[in-house]
Amino acid sequence: MGVPQTMESLKERAAFIRESLHKSQTITESMVSILGSFDHRLSALETAMRPTQ
């Protein structure tokens, strides 16, 4: 295996890793948004369910 082939292989792997990290970041941001919304709605429900005195 020559140096140009090795470099090309490394470039392809680096691009794949970059793409995977980008997808992972997108999924993470989406989950944070979903969980934040859920937390907000759950807090509102808890407030509504508190007994009045």
PDB file of N, CA and C in Angstrom:
ATOM      1  N   MET A   1       0.863  -1.190   0.000  1.00  0.00           N
ATOM      2  CA  MET A   1       0.000   0.000   0.000  1.00  0.00           C
ATOM      3  C   MET A   1       0.894   1.233   0.000  1.00  0.00           C
ATOM      4  N   GLY A   2       0.701   2.116  -0.959  1.00  0.00           N
ATOM      5  CA  GLY A   2       1.530   3.294  -1.071  1.00  0.00           C
ATOM      6  C   GLY A   2       1.026   4.436  -0.211  1.00  0.00           C
ATOM      7  N   VAL A   3       1.859   5.433  -0.102  1.00  0.00           N
ATOM      8  CA  VAL A   3       1.512   6.605   0.708  1.00  0.00           C
ATOM      9  C   VAL A   3       0.273   7.320   0.180  1.00  0.00           C
ATOM     10  N   PRO A   4       0.131   7.540  -1.137  1.00  0.00           N
ATOM     11  CA  PRO A   4      -1.086   8.216  -1.614  1.00  0.00           C
ATOM     12  C   PRO A   4      -2.365   7.458  -1.256  1.00  0.00           C
ATOM     13  N   GLN A   5      -2.325   6.119  -1.343  1.00  0.00           N
ATOM     14  CA  GLN A   5      -3.508   5.331  -0.993  1.00  0.00           C
ATOM     15  C   GLN A   5      -3.809   5.456   0.498  1.00  0.00           C
ATOM     16  N   THR A   6      -2.766   5.441   1.317  1.00  0.00           N
ATOM     17  CA  THR A   6      -2.948   5.573   2.758  1.00  0.00           C
ATOM     18  C   THR A   6      -3.537   6.931   3.096  1.00  0.00           C
ATOM     19  N   MET A   7      -3.031   7.969   2.474  1.00  0.00           N
ATOM     20  CA  MET A   7      -3.547   9.321   2.722  1.00  0.00           C
ATOM     21  C   MET A   7      -5.004   9.425   2.293  1.00  0.00           C
ATOM     22  N   GLU A   8      -5.335   8.856   1.157  1.00  0.00           N
ATOM     23  CA  GLU A   8      -6.718   8.895   0.667  1.00  0.00           C
ATOM     24  C   GLU A   8      -7.636   8.144   1.623  1.00  0.00           C
ATOM     25  N   SER A   9      -7.175   7.002   2.095  1.00  0.00           N
ATOM     26  CA  SER A   9      -7.959   6.213   3.046  1.00  0.00           C
ATOM     27  C   SER A   9      -8.183   6.993   4.336  1.00  0.00           C
ATOM     28  N   LEU A  10      -7.151   7.653   4.819  1.00  0.00           N
ATOM     29  CA  LEU A  10      -7.279   8.458   6.040  1.00  0.00           C
ATOM     30  C   LEU A  10      -8.232   9.633   5.833  1.00  0.00           C
ATOM     31  N   LYS A  11      -8.169  10.256   4.662  1.00  0.00           N
ATOM     32  CA  LYS A  11      -9.078  11.368   4.358  1.00  0.00           C
ATOM     33  C   LYS A  11     -10.525  10.893   4.346  1.00  0.00           C
ATOM     34  N   GLU A  12     -10.764   9.720   3.758  1.00  0.00           N
ATOM     35  CA  GLU A  12     -12.122   9.169   3.708  1.00  0.00           C
ATOM     36  C   GLU A  12     -12.628   8.846   5.112  1.00  0.00           C
ATOM     37  N   ARG A  13     -11.767   8.257   5.935  1.00  0.00           N
ATOM     38  CA  ARG A  13     -12.160   7.936   7.306  1.00  0.00           C
ATOM     39  C   ARG A  13     -12.437   9.202   8.105  1.00  0.00           C
ATOM     40  N   ALA A  14     -11.610  10.223   7.915  1.00  0.00           N
ATOM     41  CA  ALA A  14     -11.811  11.490   8.618  1.00  0.00           C
ATOM     42  C   ALA A  14     -13.130  12.131   8.200  1.00  0.00           C
ATOM     43  N   ALA A  15     -13.448  12.082   6.917  1.00  0.00           N
ATOM     44  CA  ALA A  15     -14.715  12.638   6.431  1.00  0.00           C
ATOM     45  C   ALA A  15     -15.894  11.866   7.015  1.00  0.00           C
ATOM     46  N   PHE A  16     -15.778  10.544   7.084  1.00  0.00           N
ATOM     47  CA  PHE A  16     -16.840   9.720   7.664  1.00  0.00           C
ATOM     48  C   PHE A  16     -17.039  10.052   9.140  1.00  0.00           C
ATOM     49  N   ILE A  17     -15.943  10.199   9.872  1.00  0.00           N
ATOM     50  CA  ILE A  17     -16.030  10.536  11.295  1.00  0.00           C
ATOM     51  C   ILE A  17     -16.646  11.910  11.480  1.00  0.00           C
ATOM     52  N   ARG A  18     -16.242  12.871  10.642  1.00  0.00           N
ATOM     53  CA  ARG A  18     -16.820  14.222  10.718  1.00  0.00           C
ATOM     54  C   ARG A  18     -18.323  14.186  10.492  1.00  0.00           C
ATOM     55  N   GLU A  19     -18.755  13.439   9.475  1.00  0.00           N
ATOM     56  CA  GLU A  19     -20.181  13.321   9.161  1.00  0.00           C
ATOM     57  C   GLU A  19     -20.934  12.655  10.314  1.00  0.00           C
ATOM     58  N   SER A  20     -20.339  11.622  10.887  1.00  0.00           N
ATOM     59  CA  SER A  20     -20.969  10.932  12.015  1.00  0.00           C
ATOM     60  C   SER A  20     -21.098  11.856  13.218  1.00  0.00           C
ATOM     61  N   LEU A  21     -20.076  12.633  13.488  1.00  0.00           N
ATOM     62  CA  LEU A  21     -20.130  13.583  14.604  1.00  0.00           C
ATOM     63  C   LEU A  21     -21.188  14.648  14.372  1.00  0.00           C
ATOM     64  N   HIS A  22     -21.314  15.096  13.130  1.00  0.00           N
ATOM     65  CA  HIS A  22     -22.337  16.092  12.806  1.00  0.00           C
ATOM     66  C   HIS A  22     -23.734  15.519  13.037  1.00  0.00           C
ATOM     67  N   LYS A  23     -23.962  14.292  12.583  1.00  0.00           N
ATOM     68  CA  LYS A  23     -25.262  13.643  12.797  1.00  0.00           C
ATOM     69  C   LYS A  23     -25.538  13.476  14.286  1.00  0.00           C
ATOM     70  N   SER A  24     -24.520  13.065  15.028  1.00  0.00           N
ATOM     71  CA  SER A  24     -24.664  12.879  16.469  1.00  0.00           C
ATOM     72  C   SER A  24     -25.005  14.201  17.154  1.00  0.00           C
ATOM     73  N   GLN A  25     -24.358  15.274  16.748  1.00  0.00           N
ATOM     74  CA  GLN A  25     -24.635  16.591  17.323  1.00  0.00           C
ATOM     75  C   GLN A  25     -26.060  17.024  17.016  1.00  0.00           C
ATOM     76  N   THR A  26     -26.518  16.783  15.804  1.00  0.00           N
ATOM     77  CA  THR A  26     -27.886  17.131  15.418  1.00  0.00           C
ATOM     78  C   THR A  26     -28.896  16.360  16.260  1.00  0.00           C
ATOM     79  N   ILE A  27     -28.653  15.071  16.444  1.00  0.00           N
ATOM     80  CA  ILE A  27     -29.549  14.245  17.263  1.00  0.00           C
ATOM     81  C   ILE A  27     -29.533  14.726  18.711  1.00  0.00           C
ATOM     82  N   THR A  28     -28.352  15.050  19.229  1.00  0.00           N
ATOM     83  CA  THR A  28     -28.232  15.539  20.602  1.00  0.00           C
ATOM     84  C   THR A  28     -29.020  16.822  20.793  1.00  0.00           C
ATOM     85  N   GLU A  29     -28.879  17.763  19.875  1.00  0.00           N
ATOM     86  CA  GLU A  29     -29.607  19.030  19.973  1.00  0.00           C
ATOM     87  C   GLU A  29     -31.111  18.805  19.926  1.00  0.00           C
ATOM     88  N   SER A  30     -31.544  17.881  19.089  1.00  0.00           N
ATOM     89  CA  SER A  30     -32.965  17.560  18.995  1.00  0.00           C
ATOM     90  C   SER A  30     -33.472  16.962  20.303  1.00  0.00           C
ATOM     91  N   MET A  31     -32.716  16.045  20.877  1.00  0.00           N
ATOM     92  CA  MET A  31     -33.121  15.423  22.144  1.00  0.00           C
ATOM     93  C   MET A  31     -33.160  16.446  23.274  1.00  0.00           C
ATOM     94  N   VAL A  32     -32.209  17.346  23.319  1.00  0.00           N
ATOM     95  CA  VAL A  32     -32.204  18.395  24.342  1.00  0.00           C
ATOM     96  C   VAL A  32     -33.453  19.248  24.210  1.00  0.00           C
ATOM     97  N   SER A  33     -33.827  19.582  22.990  1.00  0.00           N
ATOM     98  CA  SER A  33     -35.034  20.369  22.749  1.00  0.00           C
ATOM     99  C   SER A  33     -36.281  19.613  23.188  1.00  0.00           C
ATOM    100  N   ILE A  34     -36.372  18.347  22.818  1.00  0.00           N
ATOM    101  CA  ILE A  34     -37.530  17.526  23.185  1.00  0.00           C
ATOM    102  C   ILE A  34     -37.637  17.402  24.703  1.00  0.00           C
ATOM    103  N   LEU A  35     -36.522  17.109  25.362  1.00  0.00           N
ATOM    104  CA  LEU A  35     -36.550  16.945  26.813  1.00  0.00           C
ATOM    105  C   LEU A  35     -36.842  18.264  27.523  1.00  0.00           C
ATOM    106  N   GLY A  36     -36.347  19.367  26.991  1.00  0.00           N
ATOM    107  CA  GLY A  36     -36.657  20.678  27.561  1.00  0.00           C
ATOM    108  C   GLY A  36     -38.138  20.985  27.470  1.00  0.00           C
ATOM    109  N   SER A  37     -38.737  20.678  26.338  1.00  0.00           N
ATOM    110  CA  SER A  37     -40.169  20.885  26.152  1.00  0.00           C
ATOM    111  C   SER A  37     -40.962  19.997  27.104  1.00  0.00           C
ATOM    112  N   PHE A  38     -40.546  18.745  27.234  1.00  0.00           N
ATOM    113  CA  PHE A  38     -41.219  17.821  28.143  1.00  0.00           C
ATOM    114  C   PHE A  38     -41.136  18.329  29.580  1.00  0.00           C
ATOM    115  N   ASP A  39     -39.964  18.786  29.990  1.00  0.00           N
ATOM    116  CA  ASP A  39     -39.776  19.308  31.347  1.00  0.00           C
ATOM    117  C   ASP A  39     -40.678  20.509  31.599  1.00  0.00           C
ATOM    118  N   HIS A  40     -40.760  21.392  30.622  1.00  0.00           N
ATOM    119  CA  HIS A  40     -41.613  22.580  30.754  1.00  0.00           C
ATOM    120  C   HIS A  40     -43.077  22.171  30.908  1.00  0.00           C
ATOM    121  N   ARG A  41     -43.535  21.252  30.070  1.00  0.00           N
ATOM    122  CA  ARG A  41     -44.937  20.810  30.141  1.00  0.00           C
ATOM    123  C   ARG A  41     -45.219  20.039  31.426  1.00  0.00           C
ATOM    124  N   LEU A  42     -44.269  19.251  31.886  1.00  0.00           N
ATOM    125  CA  LEU A  42     -44.445  18.514  33.133  1.00  0.00           C
ATOM    126  C   LEU A  42     -44.524  19.476  34.318  1.00  0.00           C
ATOM    127  N   SER A  43     -43.696  20.503  34.314  1.00  0.00           N
ATOM    128  CA  SER A  43     -43.752  21.513  35.378  1.00  0.00           C
ATOM    129  C   SER A  43     -45.104  22.209  35.388  1.00  0.00           C
ATOM    130  N   ALA A  44     -45.620  22.534  34.212  1.00  0.00           N
ATOM    131  CA  ALA A  44     -46.931  23.182  34.123  1.00  0.00           C
ATOM    132  C   ALA A  44     -48.021  22.252  34.651  1.00  0.00           C
ATOM    133  N   LEU A  45     -47.922  20.974  34.337  1.00  0.00           N
ATOM    134  CA  LEU A  45     -48.901  20.004  34.827  1.00  0.00           C
ATOM    135  C   LEU A  45     -48.825  19.875  36.347  1.00  0.00           C
ATOM    136  N   GLU A  46     -47.613  19.815  36.885  1.00  0.00           N
ATOM    137  CA  GLU A  46     -47.448  19.731  38.338  1.00  0.00           C
ATOM    138  C   GLU A  46     -48.045  20.949  39.023  1.00  0.00           C
ATOM    139  N   THR A  47     -47.839  22.120  38.448  1.00  0.00           N
ATOM    140  CA  THR A  47     -48.401  23.345  39.011  1.00  0.00           C
ATOM    141  C   THR A  47     -49.922  23.290  38.981  1.00  0.00           C
ATOM    142  N   ALA A  48     -50.486  22.819  37.898  1.00  0.00           N
ATOM    143  CA  ALA A  48     -51.941  22.740  37.766  1.00  0.00           C
ATOM    144  C   ALA A  48     -52.542  21.706  38.716  1.00  0.00           C
ATOM    145  N   MET A  49     -51.779  20.684  39.068  1.00  0.00           N
ATOM    146  CA  MET A  49     -52.296  19.611  39.918  1.00  0.00           C
ATOM    147  C   MET A  49     -52.134  19.889  41.413  1.00  0.00           C
ATOM    148  N   ARG A  50     -51.423  20.945  41.769  1.00  0.00           N
ATOM    149  CA  ARG A  50     -51.236  21.263  43.185  1.00  0.00           C
ATOM    150  C   ARG A  50     -52.583  21.565  43.820  1.00  0.00           C
ATOM    151  N   PRO A  51     -52.797  21.039  45.016  1.00  0.00           N
ATOM    152  CA  PRO A  51     -54.070  21.343  45.677  1.00  0.00           C
ATOM    153  C   PRO A  51     -54.119  22.809  46.104  1.00  0.00           C
ATOM    154  N   THR A  52     -55.269  23.397  45.982  1.00  0.00           N
ATOM    155  CA  THR A  52     -55.441  24.784  46.418  1.00  0.00           C
ATOM    156  C   THR A  52     -55.847  24.789  47.879  1.00  0.00           C
ATOM    157  N   GLN A  53     -55.453  25.832  48.579  1.00  0.00           N
ATOM    158  CA  GLN A  53     -55.777  25.913  50.008  1.00  0.00           C
ATOM    159  C   GLN A  53     -56.785  26.988  50.281  1.00  0.00           C
TER     160      GLN A  53
END
